[in-house]
Amino acid sequence: MQEAAEDLQDAANEVVKSAGIKVNYPKDIKLQNQVNNSMLMMAKENPSVGKMFDSAYGYVVFPKITKGGLVIGGAGGKGLVFENNKVIGSATLMQATIGAQAGGQQYAEYIFFENKEAMKKFKNNKFKFAGEASAVAIDNTVSENIDYQDGVAVYTHANKGLMAEAALGTQKFKYKAGIK
């Protein structure tokens, strides 16, 4: 069983490496596979985002965030935190919204840090997003360009579901150093 798990990890790492993304992973195979698949899909669908994995100082990949709401909404997910393409910890995302909204969806979120200062703010758990207005449908629309603002660039990709909202809310993150 251990040997099969190691073979699976090696195969997943080779697939991501063949896409031009060089990453060192921990032993958490389930989350690692979700992150691998999400990064590979993103590198194929949007090469400009794929290149950011290697050029960013650090990044967080939340491969599956589940969101739902009817007037009051919430979302949550777990991801891996990378610095210099090495996993340095894990993170959780929690979101609360209120306003005109209905539906549910799953999406991936990628947060890129341009420099050490922006990454430090995230690692010190002093990082959050406020305000939101979105309409995400089942299709997987892809933006061509991502620009850093205050050292941070964020990209979301709809995985599945239907959610329409004009709501106010906040996303909060909790970083946990180290990973098993």
Protein backbone atom coordinates (compact mmCIF):
# COMPACT_ATOMS: atom_id res chain seq x y z
CA MET A 1 0.00 0.00 0.00
CA GLN A 2 2.82 2.42 0.92
CA GLU A 3 4.62 1.62 -2.34
CA ALA A 4 1.46 2.25 -4.38
CA ALA A 5 0.95 5.58 -2.61
CA GLU A 6 4.53 6.60 -3.36
CA ASP A 7 4.12 5.58 -7.02
CA LEU A 8 0.94 7.67 -7.22
CA GLN A 9 2.72 10.65 -5.66
CA ASP A 10 5.64 10.29 -8.10
CA ALA A 11 3.26 10.06 -11.07
CA ALA A 12 1.33 13.16 -9.95
CA ASN A 13 4.56 15.08 -9.46
CA GLU A 14 5.75 14.09 -12.97
CA VAL A 15 2.49 15.27 -14.55
CA VAL A 16 2.77 18.66 -12.87
CA LYS A 17 6.48 18.87 -13.73
CA SER A 18 5.69 18.11 -17.41
CA ALA A 19 3.40 21.15 -17.40
CA GLY A 20 6.43 23.24 -16.43
CA ILE A 21 5.52 23.63 -12.76
CA LYS A 22 8.22 22.56 -10.29
CA VAL A 23 6.87 21.85 -6.82
CA ASN A 24 7.95 19.91 -3.72
CA TYR A 25 4.97 18.34 -1.94
CA PRO A 26 4.27 16.92 1.51
CA LYS A 27 2.85 13.45 2.17
CA ASP A 28 -0.85 14.54 2.33
CA ILE A 29 -1.75 12.64 -0.82
CA LYS A 30 -5.45 13.53 -1.05
CA LEU A 31 -4.94 17.30 -0.81
CA GLN A 32 -1.74 17.02 -2.86
CA ASN A 33 -3.63 15.30 -5.70
CA GLN A 34 -6.38 17.91 -5.62
CA VAL A 35 -3.77 20.70 -5.77
CA ASN A 36 -1.83 18.89 -8.54
CA ASN A 37 -4.96 18.47 -10.65
CA SER A 38 -6.04 22.05 -10.08
CA MET A 39 -2.62 23.48 -10.98
CA LEU A 40 -2.34 21.27 -14.06
CA MET A 41 -5.82 22.25 -15.27
CA MET A 42 -5.01 25.92 -14.74
CA ALA A 43 -1.65 25.67 -16.54
CA LYS A 44 -3.38 24.06 -19.54
CA GLU A 45 -6.39 26.39 -19.70
CA ASN A 46 -4.56 29.63 -18.99
CA PRO A 47 -0.78 29.58 -19.59
CA SER A 48 -0.37 33.09 -18.14
CA VAL A 49 -1.72 31.87 -14.80
CA GLY A 50 0.35 28.68 -15.11
CA LYS A 51 3.55 30.73 -15.48
CA MET A 52 2.74 32.60 -12.27
CA PHE A 53 3.30 29.42 -10.25
CA ASP A 54 7.02 29.67 -11.03
CA SER A 55 7.38 33.47 -11.08
CA ALA A 56 5.48 34.38 -7.89
CA TYR A 57 7.33 34.69 -4.58
CA GLY A 58 4.66 32.46 -3.06
CA TYR A 59 1.10 31.32 -3.61
CA VAL A 60 -1.85 29.48 -2.11
CA VAL A 61 -3.92 26.93 -4.03
CA PHE A 62 -7.44 26.18 -2.80
CA PRO A 63 -8.46 23.42 -5.24
CA LYS A 64 -12.07 23.09 -4.06
CA ILE A 65 -14.05 25.76 -2.26
CA THR A 66 -17.71 24.98 -1.67
CA LYS A 67 -20.06 27.95 -1.57
CA GLY A 68 -23.80 28.28 -1.05
CA GLY A 69 -26.30 30.90 -0.13
CA LEU A 70 -29.85 32.19 -0.09
CA VAL A 71 -29.72 35.77 1.24
CA ILE A 72 -27.10 34.64 3.78
CA GLY A 73 -24.22 32.62 2.38
CA GLY A 74 -20.99 30.97 3.28
CA ALA A 75 -18.03 29.17 1.76
CA GLY A 76 -15.07 27.18 2.90
CA GLY A 77 -12.10 25.22 1.66
CA LYS A 78 -8.61 23.96 2.41
CA GLY A 79 -5.44 24.56 0.46
CA LEU A 80 -1.67 24.39 0.42
CA VAL A 81 0.69 27.35 0.86
CA PHE A 82 3.85 27.53 -1.25
CA GLU A 83 6.98 29.65 -0.94
CA ASN A 84 9.69 29.25 -3.59
CA ASN A 85 7.63 26.33 -4.98
CA LYS A 86 7.89 24.36 -1.74
CA VAL A 87 4.93 23.59 0.47
CA ILE A 88 5.41 25.46 3.74
CA GLY A 89 1.99 24.91 5.27
CA SER A 90 -1.73 24.70 4.80
CA ALA A 91 -4.52 27.25 4.86
CA THR A 92 -8.25 27.36 5.34
CA LEU A 93 -10.61 29.84 3.73
CA MET A 94 -13.86 30.94 5.32
CA GLN A 95 -16.32 33.30 3.69
CA ALA A 96 -19.54 34.90 4.88
CA THR A 97 -21.88 36.99 2.71
CA ILE A 98 -25.22 38.73 3.02
CA GLY A 99 -27.35 40.18 0.24
CA ALA A 100 -29.12 39.14 -2.93
CA GLN A 101 -27.75 35.66 -3.64
CA ALA A 102 -29.02 32.21 -4.50
CA GLY A 103 -27.39 28.94 -5.46
CA GLY A 104 -24.32 26.90 -4.82
CA GLN A 105 -21.03 26.28 -6.53
CA GLN A 106 -17.57 24.83 -6.21
CA TYR A 107 -14.58 26.78 -7.39
CA ALA A 108 -10.80 26.90 -7.14
CA GLU A 109 -8.96 29.96 -5.88
CA TYR A 110 -5.33 30.86 -6.49
CA ILE A 111 -3.67 33.65 -4.52
CA PHE A 112 -0.26 34.78 -5.78
CA PHE A 113 2.17 36.87 -3.73
CA GLU A 114 4.55 39.09 -5.64
CA ASN A 115 7.02 39.66 -2.81
CA LYS A 116 8.08 38.66 0.69
CA GLU A 117 6.06 41.46 2.37
CA ALA A 118 2.75 40.36 0.83
CA MET A 119 3.48 36.74 1.74
CA LYS A 120 4.38 37.72 5.30
CA LYS A 121 1.01 39.44 5.74
CA PHE A 122 -0.74 36.19 4.75
CA LYS A 123 1.49 34.04 6.98
CA ASN A 124 0.76 36.35 9.94
CA ASN A 125 -3.00 35.78 9.42
CA LYS A 126 -3.54 39.48 8.68
CA PHE A 127 -4.96 38.92 5.22
CA LYS A 128 -8.59 39.09 4.11
CA PHE A 129 -10.74 40.23 1.21
CA ALA A 130 -13.83 42.37 1.69
CA GLY A 131 -16.67 43.21 -0.66
CA GLU A 132 -17.92 41.09 -3.52
CA ALA A 133 -20.17 41.21 -6.58
CA SER A 134 -20.10 38.21 -8.87
CA ALA A 135 -22.13 36.01 -11.16
CA VAL A 136 -20.47 32.68 -11.84
CA ALA A 137 -22.15 30.10 -14.06
CA ILE A 138 -21.33 26.48 -14.89
CA ASP A 139 -18.89 27.34 -17.68
CA ASN A 140 -15.21 27.58 -16.87
CA THR A 141 -14.44 31.10 -18.07
CA VAL A 142 -10.78 32.02 -18.04
CA SER A 143 -9.28 35.47 -17.74
CA GLU A 144 -6.16 36.12 -19.82
CA ASN A 145 -4.39 38.64 -17.60
CA ILE A 146 -3.81 38.88 -13.89
CA ASP A 147 -2.18 41.91 -12.34
CA TYR A 148 -0.78 42.30 -8.85
CA GLN A 149 -2.41 44.87 -6.57
CA ASP A 150 -0.54 45.65 -3.37
CA GLY A 151 1.65 42.60 -4.03
CA VAL A 152 -1.30 40.16 -4.39
CA ALA A 153 -3.06 38.67 -7.42
CA VAL A 154 -6.13 36.46 -7.11
CA TYR A 155 -7.69 34.18 -9.66
CA THR A 156 -10.83 32.08 -9.23
CA HIS A 157 -12.03 29.34 -11.54
CA ALA A 158 -15.56 27.90 -11.42
CA ASN A 159 -15.51 24.11 -11.14
CA LYS A 160 -19.26 23.46 -11.12
CA GLY A 161 -22.56 24.84 -9.93
CA LEU A 162 -24.67 27.92 -10.41
CA MET A 163 -24.46 30.96 -8.17
CA ALA A 164 -25.73 34.48 -8.74
CA GLU A 165 -25.02 37.12 -6.18
CA ALA A 166 -24.79 40.81 -5.48
CA ALA A 167 -23.71 40.48 -1.90
CA LEU A 168 -21.30 41.98 0.57
CA GLY A 169 -19.01 39.76 2.54
CA THR A 170 -15.53 38.88 3.56
CA GLN A 171 -13.04 36.09 2.99
CA LYS A 172 -10.78 35.23 5.90
CA PHE A 173 -7.78 32.95 5.82
CA LYS A 174 -5.98 30.95 8.47
CA TYR A 175 -2.42 29.86 7.77
CA LYS A 176 -0.85 26.91 9.56
CA ALA A 177 2.92 26.47 9.18
CA GLY A 178 4.30 23.03 8.39
CA ILE A 179 2.44 20.08 6.97
CA LYS A 180 2.57 16.34 7.46
